[in-house]
């Protein structure tokens, strides 16, 4: 007996992936795209952090020269 709709959906998805090579190929393609997106966003965040840190260091250096 299936206790919830979510269980039914997950079971159907597992069955589809087990029996359909096309579904596996599609899911793999989506997983690769998702991973690429996450890696790109991570790289962008690192770059933004480096730029912010550089600007902060230049501002503190200027402030130190004024005093």
Protein backbone atom coordinates (compact mmCIF):
# COMPACT_ATOMS: atom_id res chain seq x y z
CA UNK A 1 0.00 0.00 0.00
CA UNK A 2 1.32 3.41 -0.96
CA UNK A 3 1.04 5.86 1.90
CA UNK A 4 1.47 9.18 0.13
CA UNK A 5 1.40 10.79 -3.25
CA UNK A 6 5.07 11.67 -2.92
CA UNK A 7 5.89 7.99 -2.46
CA UNK A 8 3.87 7.16 -5.56
CA UNK A 9 5.65 9.85 -7.57
CA UNK A 10 9.10 8.76 -6.41
CA UNK A 11 8.30 5.12 -7.10
CA UNK A 12 7.07 5.93 -10.61
CA UNK A 13 10.18 8.01 -11.29
CA UNK A 14 12.44 5.20 -10.09
CA UNK A 15 10.61 2.70 -12.27
CA UNK A 16 10.84 5.02 -15.27
CA UNK A 17 14.58 5.50 -14.75
CA UNK A 18 15.10 1.77 -14.31
CA UNK A 19 13.28 0.85 -17.50
CA UNK A 20 13.94 3.73 -19.90
CA UNK A 21 17.39 4.46 -21.36
CA UNK A 22 16.06 7.71 -22.83
CA UNK A 23 14.93 8.88 -19.40
CA UNK A 24 18.34 8.07 -17.93
CA UNK A 25 20.05 10.02 -20.73
CA UNK A 26 17.79 13.01 -20.17
CA UNK A 27 18.28 12.98 -16.40
CA UNK A 28 22.05 12.68 -16.87
CA UNK A 29 22.04 15.65 -19.26
CA UNK A 30 20.04 17.73 -16.75
CA UNK A 31 22.39 16.72 -13.94
CA UNK A 32 25.43 17.81 -15.98
CA UNK A 33 23.81 21.15 -16.80
CA UNK A 34 22.86 21.66 -13.16
CA UNK A 35 26.38 20.87 -12.01
CA UNK A 36 27.85 23.27 -14.57
CA UNK A 37 25.49 26.00 -13.36
CA UNK A 38 26.43 25.44 -9.72
CA UNK A 39 30.15 25.52 -10.56
CA UNK A 40 29.71 28.71 -12.61
CA UNK A 41 27.81 30.39 -9.78
CA UNK A 42 30.47 29.32 -7.29
CA UNK A 43 33.20 30.77 -9.50
CA UNK A 44 31.27 34.02 -9.88
CA UNK A 45 30.84 34.26 -6.10
CA UNK A 46 34.57 33.69 -5.57
CA UNK A 47 35.41 36.39 -8.12
CA UNK A 48 32.97 38.84 -6.54
CA UNK A 49 34.46 38.13 -3.12
CA UNK A 50 37.99 38.71 -4.41
CA UNK A 51 36.97 42.02 -6.01
CA UNK A 52 35.21 43.15 -2.83
CA UNK A 53 38.22 42.20 -0.72
CA UNK A 54 40.55 44.08 -3.06
CA UNK A 55 38.38 47.20 -2.91
CA UNK A 56 38.20 46.99 0.87
CA UNK A 57 41.97 46.67 1.14
CA UNK A 58 42.51 49.68 -1.13
CA UNK A 59 40.05 51.73 0.93
CA UNK A 60 41.72 50.80 4.20
CA UNK A 61 45.15 51.57 2.70
CA UNK A 62 43.96 55.04 1.64
CA UNK A 63 42.46 55.63 5.08
CA UNK A 64 45.75 54.61 6.71
CA UNK A 65 47.69 57.05 4.52
CA UNK A 66 45.39 59.95 5.53
CA UNK A 67 45.98 59.39 9.24
